[in-house]
């Protein structure tokens, strides 16, 4: 399993992202799309682009040891 950071290109207080723990990038995108789509149902003016244009920003795959990211501003 890996942890993926996925964005949809929208900006709120920072870059709108989700974290997904999945076996591969394809599955992570599938999970993220579902979560973004659920969120878009609260705000109908967001439209399909809110959950269809997703990008994986990063992935973390060494989950056997402790680690921490650098300071992130998104």
PDB file of N, CA and C in Angstrom:
ATOM      1  N   UNK A   1       0.847  -1.182   0.000  1.00  0.00           N
ATOM      2  CA  UNK A   1       0.000   0.000   0.000  1.00  0.00           C
ATOM      3  C   UNK A   1       0.889   1.242   0.000  1.00  0.00           C
ATOM      4  N   UNK A   2       0.393   2.266  -0.641  1.00  0.00           N
ATOM      5  CA  UNK A   2       1.089   3.545  -0.686  1.00  0.00           C
ATOM      6  C   UNK A   2       0.090   4.641  -0.315  1.00  0.00           C
ATOM      7  N   UNK A   3       0.616   5.770   0.109  1.00  0.00           N
ATOM      8  CA  UNK A   3      -0.214   6.942   0.373  1.00  0.00           C
ATOM      9  C   UNK A   3       0.021   7.928  -0.768  1.00  0.00           C
ATOM     10  N   UNK A   4      -1.074   8.386  -1.365  1.00  0.00           N
ATOM     11  CA  UNK A   4      -1.021   9.316  -2.490  1.00  0.00           C
ATOM     12  C   UNK A   4      -1.660  10.641  -2.093  1.00  0.00           C
ATOM     13  N   UNK A   5      -1.055  11.737  -2.520  1.00  0.00           N
ATOM     14  CA  UNK A   5      -1.657  13.066  -2.382  1.00  0.00           C
ATOM     15  C   UNK A   5      -2.214  13.420  -3.751  1.00  0.00           C
ATOM     16  N   UNK A   6      -3.516  13.715  -3.785  1.00  0.00           N
ATOM     17  CA  UNK A   6      -4.202  13.955  -5.053  1.00  0.00           C
ATOM     18  C   UNK A   6      -4.902  15.307  -4.996  1.00  0.00           C
ATOM     19  N   UNK A   7      -4.762  16.081  -6.059  1.00  0.00           N
ATOM     20  CA  UNK A   7      -5.404  17.392  -6.140  1.00  0.00           C
ATOM     21  C   UNK A   7      -6.348  17.441  -7.337  1.00  0.00           C
ATOM     22  N   UNK A   8      -7.286  18.374  -7.243  1.00  0.00           N
ATOM     23  CA  UNK A   8      -8.202  18.573  -8.367  1.00  0.00           C
ATOM     24  C   UNK A   8      -7.986  19.930  -9.032  1.00  0.00           C
ATOM     25  N   UNK A   9      -6.977  20.662  -8.600  1.00  0.00           N
ATOM     26  CA  UNK A   9      -6.659  21.948  -9.211  1.00  0.00           C
ATOM     27  C   UNK A   9      -7.400  23.128  -8.609  1.00  0.00           C
ATOM     28  N   UNK A  10      -8.325  22.871  -7.704  1.00  0.00           N
ATOM     29  CA  UNK A  10      -9.067  23.955  -7.064  1.00  0.00           C
ATOM     30  C   UNK A  10      -8.267  24.488  -5.878  1.00  0.00           C
ATOM     31  N   UNK A  11      -8.524  25.729  -5.526  1.00  0.00           N
ATOM     32  CA  UNK A  11      -7.848  26.349  -4.395  1.00  0.00           C
ATOM     33  C   UNK A  11      -8.887  26.912  -3.444  1.00  0.00           C
ATOM     34  N   UNK A  12      -8.780  26.534  -2.175  1.00  0.00           N
ATOM     35  CA  UNK A  12      -9.621  27.095  -1.118  1.00  0.00           C
ATOM     36  C   UNK A  12      -8.709  27.987  -0.300  1.00  0.00           C
ATOM     37  N   UNK A  13      -8.496  27.635   0.958  1.00  0.00           N
ATOM     38  CA  UNK A  13      -7.476  28.323   1.751  1.00  0.00           C
ATOM     39  C   UNK A  13      -6.092  27.904   1.268  1.00  0.00           C
ATOM     40  N   UNK A  14      -6.021  26.802   0.586  1.00  0.00           N
ATOM     41  CA  UNK A  14      -4.814  26.259  -0.024  1.00  0.00           C
ATOM     42  C   UNK A  14      -5.256  25.326  -1.136  1.00  0.00           C
ATOM     43  N   UNK A  15      -4.327  24.583  -1.701  1.00  0.00           N
ATOM     44  CA  UNK A  15      -4.648  23.643  -2.765  1.00  0.00           C
ATOM     45  C   UNK A  15      -5.559  22.551  -2.219  1.00  0.00           C
ATOM     46  N   UNK A  16      -6.681  22.298  -2.887  1.00  0.00           N
ATOM     47  CA  UNK A  16      -7.655  21.305  -2.442  1.00  0.00           C
ATOM     48  C   UNK A  16      -7.102  19.913  -2.773  1.00  0.00           C
ATOM     49  N   UNK A  17      -6.907  19.098  -1.735  1.00  0.00           N
ATOM     50  CA  UNK A  17      -6.311  17.781  -1.911  1.00  0.00           C
ATOM     51  C   UNK A  17      -7.031  16.738  -1.070  1.00  0.00           C
ATOM     52  N   UNK A  18      -6.795  15.485  -1.411  1.00  0.00           N
ATOM     53  CA  UNK A  18      -7.166  14.368  -0.556  1.00  0.00           C
ATOM     54  C   UNK A  18      -5.949  13.463  -0.445  1.00  0.00           C
ATOM     55  N   UNK A  19      -5.879  12.703   0.627  1.00  0.00           N
ATOM     56  CA  UNK A  19      -4.885  11.646   0.781  1.00  0.00           C
ATOM     57  C   UNK A  19      -5.600  10.331   0.566  1.00  0.00           C
ATOM     58  N   UNK A  20      -4.987   9.437  -0.186  1.00  0.00           N
ATOM     59  CA  UNK A  20      -5.571   8.124  -0.416  1.00  0.00           C
ATOM     60  C   UNK A  20      -4.522   7.057  -0.138  1.00  0.00           C
ATOM     61  N   UNK A  21      -4.889   6.067   0.631  1.00  0.00           N
ATOM     62  CA  UNK A  21      -4.026   4.917   0.878  1.00  0.00           C
ATOM     63  C   UNK A  21      -4.560   3.795  -0.008  1.00  0.00           C
ATOM     64  N   UNK A  22      -3.759   3.369  -0.983  1.00  0.00           N
ATOM     65  CA  UNK A  22      -4.231   2.394  -1.961  1.00  0.00           C
ATOM     66  C   UNK A  22      -3.070   1.543  -2.466  1.00  0.00           C
ATOM     67  N   UNK A  23      -3.415   0.462  -3.157  1.00  0.00           N
ATOM     68  CA  UNK A  23      -2.385  -0.446  -3.653  1.00  0.00           C
ATOM     69  C   UNK A  23      -1.658   0.095  -4.881  1.00  0.00           C
ATOM     70  N   UNK A  24      -2.316   1.009  -5.632  1.00  0.00           N
ATOM     71  CA  UNK A  24      -1.670   1.600  -6.802  1.00  0.00           C
ATOM     72  C   UNK A  24      -2.314   2.951  -7.130  1.00  0.00           C
ATOM     73  N   UNK A  25      -1.690   3.656  -8.063  1.00  0.00           N
ATOM     74  CA  UNK A  25      -2.156   5.002  -8.411  1.00  0.00           C
ATOM     75  C   UNK A  25      -3.561   4.979  -9.008  1.00  0.00           C
ATOM     76  N   UNK A  26      -3.852   3.994  -9.824  1.00  0.00           N
ATOM     77  CA  UNK A  26      -5.181   3.898 -10.433  1.00  0.00           C
ATOM     78  C   UNK A  26      -6.271   3.810  -9.370  1.00  0.00           C
ATOM     79  N   UNK A  27      -6.060   2.964  -8.376  1.00  0.00           N
ATOM     80  CA  UNK A  27      -7.043   2.806  -7.296  1.00  0.00           C
ATOM     81  C   UNK A  27      -7.128   4.091  -6.470  1.00  0.00           C
ATOM     82  N   UNK A  28      -5.986   4.730  -6.220  1.00  0.00           N
ATOM     83  CA  UNK A  28      -5.982   5.985  -5.461  1.00  0.00           C
ATOM     84  C   UNK A  28      -6.808   7.046  -6.177  1.00  0.00           C
ATOM     85  N   UNK A  29      -6.662   7.138  -7.493  1.00  0.00           N
ATOM     86  CA  UNK A  29      -7.445   8.104  -8.266  1.00  0.00           C
ATOM     87  C   UNK A  29      -8.927   7.769  -8.219  1.00  0.00           C
ATOM     88  N   UNK A  30      -9.256   6.494  -8.273  1.00  0.00           N
ATOM     89  CA  UNK A  30     -10.654   6.067  -8.186  1.00  0.00           C
ATOM     90  C   UNK A  30     -11.274   6.470  -6.847  1.00  0.00           C
ATOM     91  N   UNK A  31     -10.540   6.224  -5.765  1.00  0.00           N
ATOM     92  CA  UNK A  31     -11.029   6.602  -4.430  1.00  0.00           C
ATOM     93  C   UNK A  31     -11.158   8.120  -4.300  1.00  0.00           C
ATOM     94  N   UNK A  32     -10.160   8.841  -4.806  1.00  0.00           N
ATOM     95  CA  UNK A  32     -10.179  10.305  -4.730  1.00  0.00           C
ATOM     96  C   UNK A  32     -11.338  10.877  -5.533  1.00  0.00           C
ATOM     97  N   UNK A  33     -11.551  10.330  -6.733  1.00  0.00           N
ATOM     98  CA  UNK A  33     -12.658  10.818  -7.579  1.00  0.00           C
ATOM     99  C   UNK A  33     -13.993  10.677  -6.850  1.00  0.00           C
ATOM    100  N   UNK A  34     -14.175   9.542  -6.192  1.00  0.00           N
ATOM    101  CA  UNK A  34     -15.419   9.318  -5.445  1.00  0.00           C
ATOM    102  C   UNK A  34     -15.562  10.350  -4.321  1.00  0.00           C
ATOM    103  N   UNK A  35     -14.478  10.615  -3.592  1.00  0.00           N
ATOM    104  CA  UNK A  35     -14.533  11.572  -2.482  1.00  0.00           C
ATOM    105  C   UNK A  35     -14.792  12.993  -2.994  1.00  0.00           C
ATOM    106  N   UNK A  36     -14.092  13.395  -4.063  1.00  0.00           N
ATOM    107  CA  UNK A  36     -14.321  14.726  -4.633  1.00  0.00           C
ATOM    108  C   UNK A  36     -15.751  14.849  -5.172  1.00  0.00           C
ATOM    109  N   UNK A  37     -16.272  13.777  -5.778  1.00  0.00           N
ATOM    110  CA  UNK A  37     -17.643  13.815  -6.305  1.00  0.00           C
ATOM    111  C   UNK A  37     -18.643  13.990  -5.163  1.00  0.00           C
ATOM    112  N   UNK A  38     -18.437  13.272  -4.054  1.00  0.00           N
ATOM    113  CA  UNK A  38     -19.317  13.429  -2.881  1.00  0.00           C
ATOM    114  C   UNK A  38     -19.295  14.881  -2.398  1.00  0.00           C
ATOM    115  N   UNK A  39     -18.124  15.476  -2.361  1.00  0.00           N
ATOM    116  CA  UNK A  39     -17.993  16.866  -1.913  1.00  0.00           C
ATOM    117  C   UNK A  39     -18.691  17.815  -2.887  1.00  0.00           C
ATOM    118  N   UNK A  40     -18.593  17.531  -4.190  1.00  0.00           N
ATOM    119  CA  UNK A  40     -19.191  18.427  -5.187  1.00  0.00           C
ATOM    120  C   UNK A  40     -20.717  18.427  -5.122  1.00  0.00           C
ATOM    121  N   UNK A  41     -21.294  17.367  -4.613  1.00  0.00           N
ATOM    122  CA  UNK A  41     -22.753  17.303  -4.491  1.00  0.00           C
ATOM    123  C   UNK A  41     -23.278  18.333  -3.487  1.00  0.00           C
ATOM    124  N   UNK A  42     -22.439  18.775  -2.570  1.00  0.00           N
ATOM    125  CA  UNK A  42     -22.819  19.828  -1.615  1.00  0.00           C
ATOM    126  C   UNK A  42     -22.799  21.199  -2.277  1.00  0.00           C
ATOM    127  N   UNK A  43     -22.030  21.325  -3.371  1.00  0.00           N
ATOM    128  CA  UNK A  43     -21.842  22.602  -4.051  1.00  0.00           C
ATOM    129  C   UNK A  43     -22.051  22.401  -5.550  1.00  0.00           C
ATOM    130  N   UNK A  44     -23.310  22.382  -6.010  1.00  0.00           N
ATOM    131  CA  UNK A  44     -23.625  22.057  -7.406  1.00  0.00           C
ATOM    132  C   UNK A  44     -22.911  22.939  -8.440  1.00  0.00           C
ATOM    133  N   UNK A  45     -22.542  24.149  -8.074  1.00  0.00           N
ATOM    134  CA  UNK A  45     -21.878  25.035  -9.029  1.00  0.00           C
ATOM    135  C   UNK A  45     -20.448  24.592  -9.349  1.00  0.00           C
ATOM    136  N   UNK A  46     -19.885  23.619  -8.597  1.00  0.00           N
ATOM    137  CA  UNK A  46     -18.528  23.138  -8.879  1.00  0.00           C
ATOM    138  C   UNK A  46     -18.459  22.417 -10.215  1.00  0.00           C
ATOM    139  N   UNK A  47     -19.464  21.648 -10.540  1.00  0.00           N
ATOM    140  CA  UNK A  47     -19.489  20.938 -11.817  1.00  0.00           C
ATOM    141  C   UNK A  47     -18.587  19.715 -11.848  1.00  0.00           C
ATOM    142  N   UNK A  48     -18.589  19.063 -12.995  1.00  0.00           N
ATOM    143  CA  UNK A  48     -17.865  17.802 -13.186  1.00  0.00           C
ATOM    144  C   UNK A  48     -16.349  17.963 -13.079  1.00  0.00           C
ATOM    145  N   UNK A  49     -15.848  19.123 -13.432  1.00  0.00           N
ATOM    146  CA  UNK A  49     -14.406  19.358 -13.369  1.00  0.00           C
ATOM    147  C   UNK A  49     -13.828  19.218 -11.975  1.00  0.00           C
ATOM    148  N   UNK A  50     -14.662  19.369 -10.962  1.00  0.00           N
ATOM    149  CA  UNK A  50     -14.204  19.273  -9.572  1.00  0.00           C
ATOM    150  C   UNK A  50     -13.690  17.883  -9.248  1.00  0.00           C
ATOM    151  N   UNK A  51     -14.233  16.867  -9.910  1.00  0.00           N
ATOM    152  CA  UNK A  51     -13.820  15.494  -9.601  1.00  0.00           C
ATOM    153  C   UNK A  51     -13.269  14.732 -10.809  1.00  0.00           C
ATOM    154  N   UNK A  52     -13.227  15.344 -11.974  1.00  0.00           N
ATOM    155  CA  UNK A  52     -12.772  14.595 -13.151  1.00  0.00           C
ATOM    156  C   UNK A  52     -11.329  14.899 -13.556  1.00  0.00           C
ATOM    157  N   UNK A  53     -10.811  16.065 -13.194  1.00  0.00           N
ATOM    158  CA  UNK A  53      -9.448  16.430 -13.593  1.00  0.00           C
ATOM    159  C   UNK A  53      -8.517  16.320 -12.381  1.00  0.00           C
ATOM    160  N   UNK A  54      -8.140  15.108 -12.048  1.00  0.00           N
ATOM    161  CA  UNK A  54      -7.328  14.863 -10.863  1.00  0.00           C
ATOM    162  C   UNK A  54      -5.878  14.613 -11.241  1.00  0.00           C
ATOM    163  N   UNK A  55      -4.992  14.962 -10.310  1.00  0.00           N
ATOM    164  CA  UNK A  55      -3.564  14.787 -10.522  1.00  0.00           C
ATOM    165  C   UNK A  55      -2.931  14.259  -9.234  1.00  0.00           C
ATOM    166  N   UNK A  56      -2.088  13.257  -9.361  1.00  0.00           N
ATOM    167  CA  UNK A  56      -1.339  12.757  -8.211  1.00  0.00           C
ATOM    168  C   UNK A  56      -0.124  13.660  -8.033  1.00  0.00           C
ATOM    169  N   UNK A  57      -0.039  14.306  -6.859  1.00  0.00           N
ATOM    170  CA  UNK A  57       1.083  15.192  -6.589  1.00  0.00           C
ATOM    171  C   UNK A  57       2.293  14.429  -6.075  1.00  0.00           C
ATOM    172  N   UNK A  58       2.054  13.421  -5.260  1.00  0.00           N
ATOM    173  CA  UNK A  58       3.162  12.708  -4.641  1.00  0.00           C
ATOM    174  C   UNK A  58       2.661  11.368  -4.131  1.00  0.00           C
ATOM    175  N   UNK A  59       3.593  10.475  -3.868  1.00  0.00           N
ATOM    176  CA  UNK A  59       3.236   9.205  -3.256  1.00  0.00           C
ATOM    177  C   UNK A  59       4.317   8.843  -2.246  1.00  0.00           C
ATOM    178  N   UNK A  60       3.883   8.176  -1.215  1.00  0.00           N
ATOM    179  CA  UNK A  60       4.774   7.741  -0.149  1.00  0.00           C
ATOM    180  C   UNK A  60       4.649   6.231  -0.043  1.00  0.00           C
ATOM    181  N   UNK A  61       5.771   5.542  -0.197  1.00  0.00           N
ATOM    182  CA  UNK A  61       5.676   4.091  -0.218  1.00  0.00           C
ATOM    183  C   UNK A  61       6.482   3.384   0.863  1.00  0.00           C
ATOM    184  N   UNK A  62       7.272   4.064   1.622  1.00  0.00           N
ATOM    185  CA  UNK A  62       8.029   3.418   2.691  1.00  0.00           C
ATOM    186  C   UNK A  62       7.224   3.516   3.978  1.00  0.00           C
ATOM    187  N   UNK A  63       6.298   2.596   4.159  1.00  0.00           N
ATOM    188  CA  UNK A  63       5.408   2.648   5.314  1.00  0.00           C
ATOM    189  C   UNK A  63       5.853   1.712   6.430  1.00  0.00           C
ATOM    190  N   UNK A  64       7.049   1.131   6.292  1.00  0.00           N
ATOM    191  CA  UNK A  64       7.574   0.246   7.329  1.00  0.00           C
ATOM    192  C   UNK A  64       8.304   1.004   8.428  1.00  0.00           C
ATOM    193  N   UNK A  65       8.667   2.248   8.155  1.00  0.00           N
ATOM    194  CA  UNK A  65       9.429   3.047   9.111  1.00  0.00           C
ATOM    195  C   UNK A  65       8.716   4.377   9.341  1.00  0.00           C
ATOM    196  N   UNK A  66       9.033   5.013  10.444  1.00  0.00           N
ATOM    197  CA  UNK A  66       8.482   6.348  10.690  1.00  0.00           C
ATOM    198  C   UNK A  66       9.070   7.332   9.692  1.00  0.00           C
ATOM    199  N   UNK A  67       8.273   8.306   9.304  1.00  0.00           N
ATOM    200  CA  UNK A  67       8.752   9.369   8.440  1.00  0.00           C
ATOM    201  C   UNK A  67       7.798  10.549   8.561  1.00  0.00           C
ATOM    202  N   UNK A  68       8.244  11.686   8.109  1.00  0.00           N
ATOM    203  CA  UNK A  68       7.427  12.895   8.111  1.00  0.00           C
ATOM    204  C   UNK A  68       7.764  13.686   6.854  1.00  0.00           C
ATOM    205  N   UNK A  69       6.773  14.344   6.294  1.00  0.00           N
ATOM    206  CA  UNK A  69       7.039  15.169   5.113  1.00  0.00           C
ATOM    207  C   UNK A  69       7.699  16.469   5.549  1.00  0.00           C
ATOM    208  N   UNK A  70       8.117  17.249   4.587  1.00  0.00           N
ATOM    209  CA  UNK A  70       8.525  18.605   4.859  1.00  0.00           C
ATOM    210  C   UNK A  70       7.276  19.437   5.111  1.00  0.00           C
ATOM    211  N   UNK A  71       7.463  20.685   5.432  1.00  0.00           N
ATOM    212  CA  UNK A  71       6.329  21.579   5.656  1.00  0.00           C
ATOM    213  C   UNK A  71       5.649  21.839   4.317  1.00  0.00           C
ATOM    214  N   UNK A  72       4.332  21.622   4.284  1.00  0.00           N
ATOM    215  CA  UNK A  72       3.558  21.758   3.056  1.00  0.00           C
ATOM    216  C   UNK A  72       2.599  22.937   3.177  1.00  0.00           C
ATOM    217  N   UNK A  73       2.465  23.679   2.111  1.00  0.00           N
ATOM    218  CA  UNK A  73       1.546  24.809   2.108  1.00  0.00           C
ATOM    219  C   UNK A  73       0.579  24.667   0.958  1.00  0.00           C
ATOM    220  N   UNK A  74      -0.309  23.689   1.106  1.00  0.00           N
ATOM    221  CA  UNK A  74      -1.344  23.504   0.078  1.00  0.00           C
ATOM    222  C   UNK A  74      -2.573  22.913   0.657  1.00  0.00           C
TER     223      UNK A  74
END
